[in-house]
C-alpha atoms as a PDB file:
ATOM      1  CA  MET A   1       0.000   0.000   0.000  1.00  0.00           C
ATOM      2  CA  LEU A   2       2.791   2.384   0.991  1.00  0.00           C
ATOM      3  CA  LEU A   3       4.665   1.663  -2.231  1.00  0.00           C
ATOM      4  CA  GLY A   4       1.513   2.374  -4.217  1.00  0.00           C
ATOM      5  CA  ILE A   5       1.064   5.721  -2.475  1.00  0.00           C
ATOM      6  CA  LEU A   6       4.699   6.687  -3.098  1.00  0.00           C
ATOM      7  CA  ALA A   7       4.384   5.726  -6.763  1.00  0.00           C
ATOM      8  CA  ALA A   8       1.262   7.866  -7.078  1.00  0.00           C
ATOM      9  CA  LEU A   9       3.042  10.770  -5.433  1.00  0.00           C
ATOM     10  CA  LEU A  10       6.000  10.515  -7.802  1.00  0.00           C
ATOM     11  CA  ALA A  11       3.729  10.210 -10.834  1.00  0.00           C
ATOM     12  CA  GLY A  12       1.734  13.263  -9.750  1.00  0.00           C
ATOM     13  CA  ALA A  13       4.868  15.293  -9.135  1.00  0.00           C
ATOM     14  CA  SER A  14       6.325  14.484 -12.551  1.00  0.00           C
ATOM     15  CA  ALA A  15       3.039  15.251 -14.277  1.00  0.00           C
ATOM     16  CA  ARG A  16       2.834  18.753 -12.888  1.00  0.00           C
ATOM     17  CA  ALA A  17       4.648  21.201 -15.120  1.00  0.00           C
ATOM     18  CA  GLN A  18       6.599  24.084 -13.670  1.00  0.00           C
ATOM     19  CA  SER A  19       4.759  27.383 -14.007  1.00  0.00           C
ATOM     20  CA  PRO A  20       6.173  30.036 -16.390  1.00  0.00           C
ATOM     21  CA  LEU A  21       6.791  32.404 -13.471  1.00  0.00           C
ATOM     22  CA  ALA A  22       8.656  29.750 -11.478  1.00  0.00           C
ATOM     23  CA  ALA A  23      10.728  28.827 -14.547  1.00  0.00           C
ATOM     24  CA  LYS A  24      11.583  32.468 -15.181  1.00  0.00           C
ATOM     25  CA  LYS A  25      12.522  32.963 -11.532  1.00  0.00           C
ATOM     26  CA  ALA A  26      14.758  29.913 -11.681  1.00  0.00           C
ATOM     27  CA  GLU A  27      16.409  31.315 -14.813  1.00  0.00           C
ATOM     28  CA  ALA A  28      16.909  34.677 -13.088  1.00  0.00           C
ATOM     29  CA  ALA A  29      18.351  32.942 -10.017  1.00  0.00           C
ATOM     30  CA  GLN A  30      20.837  31.093 -12.214  1.00  0.00           C
ATOM     31  CA  ALA A  31      21.814  34.331 -13.973  1.00  0.00           C
ATOM     32  CA  PHE A  32      22.262  36.032 -10.591  1.00  0.00           C
ATOM     33  CA  ALA A  33      24.527  33.195  -9.424  1.00  0.00           C
ATOM     34  CA  GLU A  34      26.585  33.584 -12.616  1.00  0.00           C
ATOM     35  CA  VAL A  35      26.843  37.344 -12.014  1.00  0.00           C
ATOM     36  CA  GLN A  36      28.100  36.675  -8.478  1.00  0.00           C
ATOM     37  CA  SER A  37      30.670  34.193  -9.762  1.00  0.00           C
ATOM     38  CA  LEU A  38      31.845  36.541 -12.528  1.00  0.00           C
ATOM     39  CA  ASP A  39      32.087  39.398 -10.022  1.00  0.00           C
ATOM     40  CA  ALA A  40      34.478  37.264  -7.981  1.00  0.00           C
ATOM     41  CA  SER A  41      36.413  36.288 -11.124  1.00  0.00           C
ATOM     42  CA  LEU A  42      36.712  39.935 -12.162  1.00  0.00           C
ATOM     43  CA  SER A  43      38.088  40.822  -8.745  1.00  0.00           C
ATOM     44  CA  VAL A  44      40.732  38.109  -9.152  1.00  0.00           C
ATOM     45  CA  ALA A  45      41.523  39.317 -12.688  1.00  0.00           C
ATOM     46  CA  ASP A  46      41.909  42.893 -11.397  1.00  0.00           C
ATOM     47  CA  GLU A  47      44.389  41.785  -8.750  1.00  0.00           C
ATOM     48  CA  ARG A  48      46.362  39.700 -11.255  1.00  0.00           C
ATOM     49  CA  MET A  49      46.463  42.770 -13.494  1.00  0.00           C
ATOM     50  CA  ASN A  50      47.710  44.889 -10.580  1.00  0.00           C
ATOM     51  CA  LEU A  51      50.479  42.376  -9.874  1.00  0.00           C
ATOM     52  CA  ALA A  52      51.551  42.325 -13.532  1.00  0.00           C
ATOM     53  CA  ASN A  53      51.692  46.135 -13.577  1.00  0.00           C
ATOM     54  CA  LEU A  54      53.811  46.122 -10.423  1.00  0.00           C
ATOM     55  CA  GLN A  55      56.213  43.643 -12.030  1.00  0.00           C
ATOM     56  CA  LEU A  56      56.496  45.800 -15.141  1.00  0.00           C
ATOM     57  CA  ALA A  57      57.042  48.939 -13.044  1.00  0.00           C
ATOM     58  CA  SER A  58      59.782  47.163 -11.064  1.00  0.00           C
ATOM     59  CA  VAL A  59      61.596  46.100 -14.260  1.00  0.00           C
ATOM     60  CA  ARG A  60      61.332  49.626 -15.659  1.00  0.00           C
ATOM     61  CA  HIS A  61      62.766  51.049 -12.456  1.00  0.00           C
ATOM     62  CA  ASP A  62      65.642  48.553 -12.597  1.00  0.00           C
ATOM     63  CA  LEU A  63      66.305  49.604 -16.202  1.00  0.00           C
ATOM     64  CA  VAL A  64      66.544  53.262 -15.183  1.00  0.00           C
ATOM     65  CA  VAL A  65      68.971  52.386 -12.370  1.00  0.00           C
ATOM     66  CA  ASN A  66      70.967  50.146 -14.703  1.00  0.00           C
ATOM     67  CA  LYS A  67      71.267  52.889 -17.327  1.00  0.00           C
ATOM     68  CA  HIS A  68      72.558  55.260 -14.648  1.00  0.00           C
ATOM     69  CA  GLU A  69      75.079  52.652 -13.493  1.00  0.00           C
ATOM     70  CA  LEU A  70      76.215  52.138 -17.080  1.00  0.00           C
ATOM     71  CA  VAL A  71      76.796  55.881 -17.483  1.00  0.00           C
ATOM     72  CA  VAL A  72      78.809  55.933 -14.247  1.00  0.00           C
ATOM     73  CA  ALA A  73      80.796  52.873 -15.346  1.00  0.00           C
ATOM     74  CA  LYS A  74      81.658  54.532 -18.676  1.00  0.00           C
ATOM     75  CA  LEU A  75      82.718  57.724 -16.933  1.00  0.00           C
ATOM     76  CA  ASN A  76      84.871  55.829 -14.448  1.00  0.00           C
ATOM     77  CA  LEU A  77      86.422  53.803 -17.246  1.00  0.00           C
ATOM     78  CA  ALA A  78      87.233  56.951 -19.175  1.00  0.00           C
ATOM     79  CA  LYS A  79      88.814  58.586 -16.126  1.00  0.00           C
ATOM     80  CA  THR A  80      90.846  55.491 -15.294  1.00  0.00           C
ATOM     81  CA  GLN A  81      92.016  55.079 -18.867  1.00  0.00           C
ATOM     82  CA  LYS A  82      92.998  58.736 -18.986  1.00  0.00           C
ATOM     83  CA  ALA A  83      94.954  58.487 -15.733  1.00  0.00           C
ATOM     84  CA  ILE A  84      96.822  55.375 -16.872  1.00  0.00           C
ATOM     85  CA  ALA A  85      97.554  56.934 -20.249  1.00  0.00           C
ATOM     86  CA  GLN A  86      98.981  59.980 -18.514  1.00  0.00           C
ATOM     87  CA  ARG A  87     101.270  57.772 -16.449  1.00  0.00           C
ATOM     88  CA  LEU A  88     102.469  56.040 -19.598  1.00  0.00           C
ATOM     89  CA  VAL A  89     103.188  59.372 -21.192  1.00  0.00           C
ATOM     90  CA  ASN A  90     105.077  60.501 -18.117  1.00  0.00           C
ATOM     91  CA  LEU A  91     107.004  57.221 -18.076  1.00  0.00           C
ATOM     92  CA  TYR A  92     108.186  57.560 -21.664  1.00  0.00           C
ATOM     93  CA  THR A  93     108.783  61.331 -21.608  1.00  0.00           C
ATOM     94  CA  GLY A  94     111.014  61.171 -18.566  1.00  0.00           C
ATOM     95  CA  GLN A  95     108.628  62.914 -16.203  1.00  0.00           C
ATOM     96  CA  GLN A  96     108.152  59.703 -14.286  1.00  0.00           C
ATOM     97  CA  THR A  97     110.790  59.019 -11.658  1.00  0.00           C
ATOM     98  CA  SER A  98     112.870  55.995 -12.724  1.00  0.00           C
ATOM     99  CA  THR A  99     114.048  53.237 -10.442  1.00  0.00           C
ATOM    100  CA  LEU A 100     117.673  54.520 -10.774  1.00  0.00           C
ATOM    101  CA  GLU A 101     116.631  57.978  -9.684  1.00  0.00           C
ATOM    102  CA  ILE A 102     114.846  56.485  -6.744  1.00  0.00           C
ATOM    103  CA  ILE A 103     118.031  54.619  -5.752  1.00  0.00           C
ATOM    104  CA  LEU A 104     120.305  57.605  -6.195  1.00  0.00           C
ATOM    105  CA  GLY A 105     117.908  59.975  -4.524  1.00  0.00           C
ATOM    106  CA  SER A 106     117.236  57.848  -1.521  1.00  0.00           C
ATOM    107  CA  SER A 107     118.663  58.936   1.812  1.00  0.00           C
ATOM    108  CA  SER A 108     118.875  55.379   3.089  1.00  0.00           C
ATOM    109  CA  LEU A 109     118.325  51.793   2.088  1.00  0.00           C
ATOM    110  CA  ASN A 110     114.956  51.693   3.864  1.00  0.00           C
ATOM    111  CA  ASP A 111     113.855  54.855   2.108  1.00  0.00           C
ATOM    112  CA  MET A 112     114.884  53.385  -1.265  1.00  0.00           C
ATOM    113  CA  LEU A 113     112.980  50.136  -0.672  1.00  0.00           C
ATOM    114  CA  THR A 114     109.923  52.012   0.477  1.00  0.00           C
ATOM    115  CA  GLN A 115     109.847  54.254  -2.627  1.00  0.00           C
ATOM    116  CA  VAL A 116     110.398  51.338  -5.029  1.00  0.00           C
ATOM    117  CA  ASP A 117     107.626  49.356  -3.294  1.00  0.00           C
ATOM    118  CA  ASN A 118     105.251  52.334  -3.412  1.00  0.00           C
ATOM    119  CA  ALA A 119     105.832  52.876  -7.130  1.00  0.00           C
ATOM    120  CA  SER A 120     105.226  49.215  -7.850  1.00  0.00           C
ATOM    121  CA  ARG A 121     102.068  49.210  -5.746  1.00  0.00           C
ATOM    122  CA  ILE A 122     100.681  52.269  -7.495  1.00  0.00           C
ATOM    123  CA  SER A 123     101.189  50.682 -10.869  1.00  0.00           C
ATOM    124  CA  SER A 124      99.549  47.414  -9.731  1.00  0.00           C
ATOM    125  CA  LEU A 125      96.640  49.294  -8.165  1.00  0.00           C
ATOM    126  CA  GLU A 126      95.973  51.196 -11.376  1.00  0.00           C
ATOM    127  CA  THR A 127      95.874  47.920 -13.289  1.00  0.00           C
ATOM    128  CA  GLN A 128      93.435  46.416 -10.763  1.00  0.00           C
ATOM    129  CA  VAL A 129      91.184  49.486 -10.909  1.00  0.00           C
ATOM    130  CA  LEU A 130      91.110  49.337 -14.689  1.00  0.00           C
ATOM    131  CA  SER A 131      90.230  45.623 -14.586  1.00  0.00           C
ATOM    132  CA  GLN A 132      87.456  46.241 -12.060  1.00  0.00           C
ATOM    133  CA  VAL A 133      86.005  49.057 -14.124  1.00  0.00           C
ATOM    134  CA  TYR A 134      85.953  46.845 -17.230  1.00  0.00           C
ATOM    135  CA  THR A 135      84.337  44.038 -15.244  1.00  0.00           C
ATOM    136  CA  PHE A 136      81.688  46.356 -13.798  1.00  0.00           C
ATOM    137  CA  LYS A 137      80.889  47.798 -17.188  1.00  0.00           C
ATOM    138  CA  GLY A 138      80.487  44.304 -18.661  1.00  0.00           C
ATOM    139  CA  SER A 139      78.238  43.263 -15.784  1.00  0.00           C
ATOM    140  CA  VAL A 140      76.062  46.329 -16.204  1.00  0.00           C
ATOM    141  CA  LYS A 141      75.649  45.662 -19.907  1.00  0.00           C
ATOM    142  CA  ARG A 142      74.728  42.025 -19.313  1.00  0.00           C
ATOM    143  CA  HIS A 143      72.223  43.113 -16.668  1.00  0.00           C
ATOM    144  CA  GLN A 144      70.760  45.589 -19.116  1.00  0.00           C
ATOM    145  CA  VAL A 145      70.221  42.841 -21.709  1.00  0.00           C
ATOM    146  CA  ALA A 146      68.512  40.666 -19.076  1.00  0.00           C
ATOM    147  CA  LEU A 147      66.316  43.557 -17.971  1.00  0.00           C
ATOM    148  CA  VAL A 148      65.236  44.240 -21.547  1.00  0.00           C
ATOM    149  CA  ARG A 149      64.156  40.596 -21.829  1.00  0.00           C
ATOM    150  CA  GLU A 150      62.322  40.835 -18.497  1.00  0.00           C
ATOM    151  CA  GLN A 151      60.600  44.014 -19.630  1.00  0.00           C
ATOM    152  CA  ALA A 152      59.358  42.295 -22.791  1.00  0.00           C
ATOM    153  CA  GLN A 153      58.049  39.380 -20.699  1.00  0.00           C
ATOM    154  CA  ALA A 154      56.404  41.767 -18.235  1.00  0.00           C
ATOM    155  CA  ARG A 155      54.704  43.635 -21.080  1.00  0.00           C
ATOM    156  CA  ARG A 156      53.374  40.363 -22.527  1.00  0.00           C
ATOM    157  CA  LEU A 157      52.104  39.395 -19.065  1.00  0.00           C
ATOM    158  CA  VAL A 158      50.353  42.751 -18.665  1.00  0.00           C
ATOM    159  CA  ALA A 159      48.736  42.350 -22.094  1.00  0.00           C
ATOM    160  CA  GLN A 160      47.612  38.812 -21.198  1.00  0.00           C
ATOM    161  CA  ARG A 161      46.163  39.920 -17.839  1.00  0.00           C
ATOM    162  CA  LEU A 162      44.414  42.845 -19.514  1.00  0.00           C
ATOM    163  CA  ALA A 163      42.838  40.484 -22.068  1.00  0.00           C
ATOM    164  CA  GLU A 164      41.664  38.199 -19.239  1.00  0.00           C
ATOM    165  CA  GLN A 165      40.240  41.153 -17.336  1.00  0.00           C
ATOM    166  CA  ARG A 166      38.379  42.467 -20.381  1.00  0.00           C
ATOM    167  CA  ALA A 167      36.984  39.001 -21.208  1.00  0.00           C
ATOM    168  CA  VAL A 168      35.587  38.561 -17.693  1.00  0.00           C
ATOM    169  CA  ALA A 169      34.235  42.123 -17.683  1.00  0.00           C
ATOM    170  CA  ALA A 170      32.495  41.499 -21.019  1.00  0.00           C
ATOM    171  CA  GLN A 171      30.914  38.277 -19.726  1.00  0.00           C
ATOM    172  CA  LEU A 172      29.838  40.066 -16.558  1.00  0.00           C
ATOM    173  CA  ALA A 173      28.233  42.902 -18.510  1.00  0.00           C
ATOM    174  CA  GLU A 174      26.359  40.404 -20.702  1.00  0.00           C
ATOM    175  CA  ARG A 175      25.116  38.440 -17.659  1.00  0.00           C
ATOM    176  CA  ARG A 176      24.032  41.646 -15.932  1.00  0.00           C
ATOM    177  CA  ARG A 177      22.053  42.682 -18.998  1.00  0.00           C
ATOM    178  CA  LEU A 178      20.430  39.231 -19.080  1.00  0.00           C
ATOM    179  CA  LEU A 179      19.646  39.406 -15.352  1.00  0.00           C
ATOM    180  CA  SER A 180      18.081  42.837 -15.762  1.00  0.00           C
ATOM    181  CA  SER A 181      15.937  41.536 -18.626  1.00  0.00           C
ATOM    182  CA  LEU A 182      14.907  38.444 -16.646  1.00  0.00           C
ATOM    183  CA  ASN A 183      14.021  40.534 -13.609  1.00  0.00           C
ATOM    184  CA  GLY A 184      11.807  42.654 -15.832  1.00  0.00           C
ATOM    185  CA  GLU A 185      10.089  39.548 -17.198  1.00  0.00           C
ATOM    186  CA  VAL A 186       9.649  38.171 -13.671  1.00  0.00           C
ATOM    187  CA  ALA A 187       8.061  41.460 -12.552  1.00  0.00           C
ATOM    188  CA  THR A 188       5.677  41.337 -15.527  1.00  0.00           C
ATOM    189  CA  LEU A 189       4.718  37.717 -14.850  1.00  0.00           C
ATOM    190  CA  GLU A 190       4.221  38.457 -11.152  1.00  0.00           C
ATOM    191  CA  ALA A 191       1.941  41.364 -11.993  1.00  0.00           C
ATOM    192  CA  GLU A 192      -0.028  39.135 -14.384  1.00  0.00           C
ATOM    193  CA  ALA A 193      -0.240  36.370 -11.761  1.00  0.00           C
ATOM    194  CA  GLU A 194      -1.430  38.850  -9.144  1.00  0.00           C
ATOM    195  CA  ALA A 195      -4.088  40.218 -11.475  1.00  0.00           C
ATOM    196  CA  GLN A 196      -5.188  36.680 -12.365  1.00  0.00           C
ATOM    197  CA  ALA A 197      -5.320  35.753  -8.670  1.00  0.00           C
ATOM    198  CA  LEU A 198      -7.496  38.779  -7.902  1.00  0.00           C
ATOM    199  CA  GLN A 199      -9.819  37.892 -10.763  1.00  0.00           C
ATOM    200  CA  GLN A 200      -9.993  34.302  -9.561  1.00  0.00           C
ATOM    201  CA  ALA A 201     -10.751  35.537  -6.044  1.00  0.00           C
ATOM    202  CA  ARG A 202     -13.638  37.697  -7.241  1.00  0.00           C
ATOM    203  CA  GLN A 203     -15.070  34.871  -9.317  1.00  0.00           C
ATOM    204  CA  ALA A 204     -14.564  32.340  -6.546  1.00  0.00           C
ATOM    205  CA  ARG A 205     -16.273  34.545  -3.949  1.00  0.00           C
ATOM    206  CA  ALA A 206     -19.244  34.956  -6.259  1.00  0.00           C
ATOM    207  CA  ARG A 207     -19.464  31.191  -6.770  1.00  0.00           C
ATOM    208  CA  MET A 208     -19.032  30.653  -3.037  1.00  0.00           C
ATOM    209  CA  MET A 209     -21.970  32.948  -2.221  1.00  0.00           C
ATOM    210  CA  GLU A 210     -24.094  31.161  -4.810  1.00  0.00           C
ATOM    211  CA  ALA A 211     -23.094  27.765  -3.444  1.00  0.00           C
ATOM    212  CA  GLN A 212     -23.848  28.832   0.120  1.00  0.00           C
ATOM    213  CA  GLY A 213     -27.307  29.975  -0.972  1.00  0.00           C
ATOM    214  CA  GLN A 214     -27.923  26.664  -2.678  1.00  0.00           C
ATOM    215  CA  ALA A 215     -26.646  24.779   0.375  1.00  0.00           C
ATOM    216  CA  ASN A 216     -28.944  26.710   2.687  1.00  0.00           C
ATOM    217  CA  GLN A 217     -31.882  25.978   0.395  1.00  0.00           C
ATOM    218  CA  SER A 218     -30.972  22.304   0.270  1.00  0.00           C
ATOM    219  CA  LEU A 219     -30.769  22.193   4.050  1.00  0.00           C
ATOM    220  CA  SER A 220     -34.159  23.829   4.355  1.00  0.00           C
ATOM    221  CA  ASP A 221     -35.681  21.353   1.913  1.00  0.00           C
ATOM    222  CA  ALA A 222     -34.071  18.476   3.786  1.00  0.00           C
ATOM    223  CA  VAL A 223     -35.496  19.613   7.125  1.00  0.00           C
ATOM    224  CA  VAL A 224     -38.978  20.008   5.652  1.00  0.00           C
ATOM    225  CA  GLY A 225     -38.787  16.620   3.937  1.00  0.00           C
ATOM    226  CA  ALA A 226     -37.397  14.851   6.981  1.00  0.00           C
ATOM    227  CA  LEU A 227     -40.914  14.518   8.454  1.00  0.00           C
ATOM    228  CA  SER A 228     -42.094  12.359   5.573  1.00  0.00           C
ATOM    229  CA  SER A 229     -38.962  11.152   3.688  1.00  0.00           C
ATOM    230  CA  PRO A 230     -36.969   8.156   4.953  1.00  0.00           C
ATOM    231  CA  GLU A 231     -34.091   9.096   2.602  1.00  0.00           C
ATOM    232  CA  ALA A 232     -33.449  12.269   4.619  1.00  0.00           C
ATOM    233  CA  ALA A 233     -31.094  10.364   6.877  1.00  0.00           C
ATOM    234  CA  ALA A 234     -28.603  10.049   3.997  1.00  0.00           C
ATOM    235  CA  ILE A 235     -28.069  13.810   3.791  1.00  0.00           C
ATOM    236  CA  VAL A 236     -24.740  14.920   5.304  1.00  0.00           C
ATOM    237  CA  PRO A 237     -25.006  17.538   8.066  1.00  0.00           C
ATOM    238  CA  SER A 238     -24.341  21.056   6.804  1.00  0.00           C
ATOM    239  CA  SER A 239     -20.836  22.472   7.090  1.00  0.00           C
ATOM    240  CA  GLY A 240     -20.292  24.972   9.852  1.00  0.00           C
ATOM    241  CA  TYR A 241     -16.870  26.067   8.665  1.00  0.00           C
ATOM    242  CA  SER A 242     -17.437  27.813   5.351  1.00  0.00           C
ATOM    243  CA  GLY A 243     -15.494  30.720   6.865  1.00  0.00           C
ATOM    244  CA  VAL A 244     -12.237  28.861   6.215  1.00  0.00           C
ATOM    245  CA  VAL A 245     -12.697  29.678   2.538  1.00  0.00           C
ATOM    246  CA  GLY A 246     -12.420  33.398   3.260  1.00  0.00           C
ATOM    247  CA  VAL A 247      -9.269  32.756   5.307  1.00  0.00           C
ATOM    248  CA  ALA A 248      -7.625  30.704   2.559  1.00  0.00           C
ATOM    249  CA  MET A 249      -8.631  33.172  -0.159  1.00  0.00           C
ATOM    250  CA  GLN A 250      -6.617  35.891   1.573  1.00  0.00           C
ATOM    251  CA  TYR A 251      -3.458  34.020   0.598  1.00  0.00           C
ATOM    252  CA  LEU A 252      -4.003  33.614  -3.130  1.00  0.00           C
ATOM    253  CA  GLY A 253      -0.622  34.059  -4.809  1.00  0.00           C
ATOM    254  CA  THR A 254       1.379  32.882  -1.790  1.00  0.00           C
ATOM    255  CA  PRO A 255       4.248  30.641  -2.968  1.00  0.00           C
ATOM    256  CA  TYR A 256       4.254  26.890  -2.427  1.00  0.00           C
ATOM    257  CA  VAL A 257       6.847  25.943   0.189  1.00  0.00           C
ATOM    258  CA  TRP A 258       7.487  22.331   1.122  1.00  0.00           C
ATOM    259  CA  GLY A 259       6.438  21.864   4.746  1.00  0.00           C
ATOM    260  CA  GLY A 260       5.085  25.439   4.832  1.00  0.00           C
ATOM    261  CA  ALA A 261       2.106  26.327   7.017  1.00  0.00           C
ATOM    262  CA  SER A 262       2.325  30.118   7.297  1.00  0.00           C
ATOM    263  CA  PRO A 263       1.766  33.216   5.112  1.00  0.00           C
ATOM    264  CA  ALA A 264       5.441  32.971   4.152  1.00  0.00           C
ATOM    265  CA  GLY A 265       4.560  29.844   2.163  1.00  0.00           C
ATOM    266  CA  PHE A 266       2.224  26.830   2.204  1.00  0.00           C
ATOM    267  CA  ASP A 267       2.182  23.261   1.083  1.00  0.00           C
ATOM    268  CA  CYS A 268      -1.254  21.719   0.398  1.00  0.00           C
ATOM    269  CA  SER A 269      -2.035  20.398   3.893  1.00  0.00           C
ATOM    270  CA  GLY A 270      -0.306  23.413   5.471  1.00  0.00           C
ATOM    271  CA  LEU A 271      -2.805  25.760   3.782  1.00  0.00           C
ATOM    272  CA  VAL A 272      -5.781  23.663   4.952  1.00  0.00           C
ATOM    273  CA  MET A 273      -4.388  23.361   8.485  1.00  0.00           C
ATOM    274  CA  PHE A 274      -3.708  27.115   8.682  1.00  0.00           C
ATOM    275  CA  ALA A 275      -7.201  28.065   7.436  1.00  0.00           C
ATOM    276  CA  TYR A 276      -8.969  25.749   9.874  1.00  0.00           C
ATOM    277  CA  GLN A 277      -6.727  26.826  12.725  1.00  0.00           C
ATOM    278  CA  ALA A 278      -7.944  30.394  12.125  1.00  0.00           C
ATOM    279  CA  VAL A 279     -11.497  29.285  12.985  1.00  0.00           C
ATOM    280  CA  GLY A 280     -10.443  27.264  16.017  1.00  0.00           C
ATOM    281  CA  ILE A 281     -10.147  23.775  14.523  1.00  0.00           C
ATOM    282  CA  SER A 282      -6.901  21.827  14.845  1.00  0.00           C
ATOM    283  CA  LEU A 283      -6.039  19.521  11.948  1.00  0.00           C
ATOM    284  CA  PRO A 284      -2.844  17.496  11.373  1.00  0.00           C
ATOM    285  CA  HIS A 285      -0.250  18.680   8.869  1.00  0.00           C
ATOM    286  CA  SER A 286      -0.794  15.718   6.542  1.00  0.00           C
ATOM    287  CA  SER A 287      -3.300  15.130   3.772  1.00  0.00           C
ATOM    288  CA  TYR A 288      -3.299  11.397   4.572  1.00  0.00           C
ATOM    289  CA  ALA A 289      -4.100  12.049   8.234  1.00  0.00           C
ATOM    290  CA  MET A 290      -6.790  14.620   7.364  1.00  0.00           C
ATOM    291  CA  TRP A 291      -8.736  11.914   5.524  1.00  0.00           C
ATOM    292  CA  ASN A 292      -9.557  10.438   8.929  1.00  0.00           C
ATOM    293  CA  TYR A 293     -11.291  13.626  10.121  1.00  0.00           C
ATOM    294  CA  GLY A 294     -14.933  14.583   9.634  1.00  0.00           C
ATOM    295  CA  VAL A 295     -17.408  12.631   7.541  1.00  0.00           C
ATOM    296  CA  PRO A 296     -17.414  11.660   3.864  1.00  0.00           C
ATOM    297  CA  VAL A 297     -19.315  13.920   1.463  1.00  0.00           C
ATOM    298  CA  PRO A 298     -20.698  12.920  -1.956  1.00  0.00           C
ATOM    299  CA  VAL A 299     -19.514  15.185  -4.732  1.00  0.00           C
ATOM    300  CA  ASP A 300     -23.071  16.390  -5.376  1.00  0.00           C
ATOM    301  CA  GLN A 301     -23.388  17.598  -1.765  1.00  0.00           C
ATOM    302  CA  LEU A 302     -20.094  19.507  -1.501  1.00  0.00           C
ATOM    303  CA  GLN A 303     -20.252  22.773   0.439  1.00  0.00           C
ATOM    304  CA  PRO A 304     -17.700  25.565   0.984  1.00  0.00           C
ATOM    305  CA  GLY A 305     -15.139  24.478   3.570  1.00  0.00           C
ATOM    306  CA  ASP A 306     -15.214  20.767   2.684  1.00  0.00           C
ATOM    307  CA  LEU A 307     -11.817  19.090   2.228  1.00  0.00           C
ATOM    308  CA  VAL A 308     -11.282  17.642  -1.262  1.00  0.00           C
ATOM    309  CA  PHE A 309      -8.620  14.983  -1.816  1.00  0.00           C
ATOM    310  CA  PHE A 310      -6.632  13.972  -4.903  1.00  0.00           C
ATOM    311  CA  ASN A 311      -3.729  11.866  -6.090  1.00  0.00           C
ATOM    312  CA  GLY A 312      -4.266   8.873  -3.801  1.00  0.00           C
ATOM    313  CA  LEU A 313      -4.764  11.197  -0.781  1.00  0.00           C
ATOM    314  CA  GLY A 314      -1.410  12.794  -1.560  1.00  0.00           C
ATOM    315  CA  HIS A 315      -3.004  16.203  -2.167  1.00  0.00           C
ATOM    316  CA  VAL A 316      -5.761  18.181  -0.427  1.00  0.00           C
ATOM    317  CA  GLY A 317      -7.614  21.451  -1.010  1.00  0.00           C
ATOM    318  CA  ILE A 318     -10.627  23.366   0.301  1.00  0.00           C
ATOM    319  CA  TYR A 319     -13.860  23.394  -1.690  1.00  0.00           C
ATOM    320  CA  ILE A 320     -15.115  26.960  -2.241  1.00  0.00           C
ATOM    321  CA  GLY A 321     -18.287  26.291  -4.245  1.00  0.00           C
ATOM    322  CA  GLY A 322     -19.308  26.359  -7.880  1.00  0.00           C
ATOM    323  CA  GLY A 323     -17.163  23.327  -8.676  1.00  0.00           C
ATOM    324  CA  ASP A 324     -13.945  25.101  -7.589  1.00  0.00           C
ATOM    325  CA  PHE A 325     -11.488  24.620  -4.777  1.00  0.00           C
ATOM    326  CA  ILE A 326      -8.467  26.496  -3.426  1.00  0.00           C
ATOM    327  CA  GLU A 327      -5.117  24.731  -3.206  1.00  0.00           C
ATOM    328  CA  ALA A 328      -1.341  25.058  -2.865  1.00  0.00           C
ATOM    329  CA  PRO A 329      -0.517  22.837  -5.862  1.00  0.00           C
ATOM    330  CA  HIS A 330       3.212  22.049  -6.003  1.00  0.00           C
ATOM    331  CA  THR A 331       6.747  23.429  -5.925  1.00  0.00           C
ATOM    332  CA  GLY A 332       7.123  26.431  -8.205  1.00  0.00           C
ATOM    333  CA  ALA A 333       3.410  27.286  -8.048  1.00  0.00           C
ATOM    334  CA  TYR A 334       1.287  29.520  -5.831  1.00  0.00           C
ATOM    335  CA  VAL A 335      -1.931  29.272  -3.851  1.00  0.00           C
ATOM    336  CA  GLN A 336      -4.630  29.321  -6.498  1.00  0.00           C
ATOM    337  CA  VAL A 337      -8.245  28.496  -7.341  1.00  0.00           C
ATOM    338  CA  SER A 338      -8.701  25.369  -9.451  1.00  0.00           C
ATOM    339  CA  SER A 339     -11.635  23.465 -10.890  1.00  0.00           C
ATOM    340  CA  LEU A 340     -12.785  19.983  -9.954  1.00  0.00           C
ATOM    341  CA  ALA A 341     -13.907  19.440 -13.540  1.00  0.00           C
ATOM    342  CA  GLY A 342     -11.619  17.067 -15.356  1.00  0.00           C
ATOM    343  CA  ARG A 343      -9.666  16.106 -12.243  1.00  0.00           C
ATOM    344  CA  TYR A 344      -9.382  12.381 -12.813  1.00  0.00           C
ATOM    345  CA  ASP A 345      -7.194  12.019  -9.708  1.00  0.00           C
ATOM    346  CA  TYR A 346     -10.063  13.146  -7.438  1.00  0.00           C
ATOM    347  CA  VAL A 347     -10.458  10.716  -4.501  1.00  0.00           C
ATOM    348  CA  GLY A 348     -13.267  12.133  -2.393  1.00  0.00           C
ATOM    349  CA  ALA A 349     -14.193  14.738   0.202  1.00  0.00           C
ATOM    350  CA  ARG A 350     -14.589  15.095   3.959  1.00  0.00           C
ATOM    351  CA  ARG A 351     -16.689  17.563   5.932  1.00  0.00           C
ATOM    352  CA  ILE A 352     -15.362  18.797   9.261  1.00  0.00           C
ATOM    353  CA  LEU A 353     -18.199  18.968  11.786  1.00  0.00           C
END
């Protein structure tokens, strides 16, 4: 039995199509999620772009420093070369003191050794300085070549990051335009649904008043005929809770929420339970359990406030009169007025006394 009920529930759920408004809202929700994701991606792309720009700025700064160092190296090399050239000129023109002159001009042996050692050291030092200047100049040039390569790489990286940033920004703009359009469509559909719900409410109230009048007349006829008609005992007692219809009708357009039993959202039994609770009657939050309350009612004796059951007791609504009932149909739909006509899954009705 339980398996049969579950199968009926699944079949009913698959048979119910999602409403256009619910589908559009789902589409808008998906677009909004994509916008959120692209916003995060754009933030990442911006930061990657910032890092690439910092790398390029650092390489450019190093190039400026390197060019300055190269200028200094060239100047130092020129000065050193000029100083050494001058010493060579002095050496070969006789202006440089020779080793013999140092010996003859020395006042002592220690003085002679000191002067010879100093002259030798000066010559060696000049050679070392020249070598160091050449080495530094070569190093600066090699560094410059490396920096030029790094600058080219940094520029390519900046261009790549910029392309990534623009691609994400373009996708984000397109998604935002789509979301704006979807939100507009959702607003239009909601307005149409609200207008339809109001129209249904007006029509349903009119049918309810007509049905109540007919029910009162039927009750009067039954009371009069009870004195002479043995079939009068088969008439179901009149409903005393037609007021639940007015309660339920206040929530036309309220979204279906699984397990819901408040104005924030209803499922089918939640709507019935809430409406009856408003008139002081406590019913369980289960269409199956509700079937055990009240008394059965033939379809030709239905009155406003009667519970009508469908889909193997898996769905319940409140009869409002004129062949209509109010229900919270399924996920993606809203509290609405529906017709009993053509409902092949209709099971029966119960009247709460």
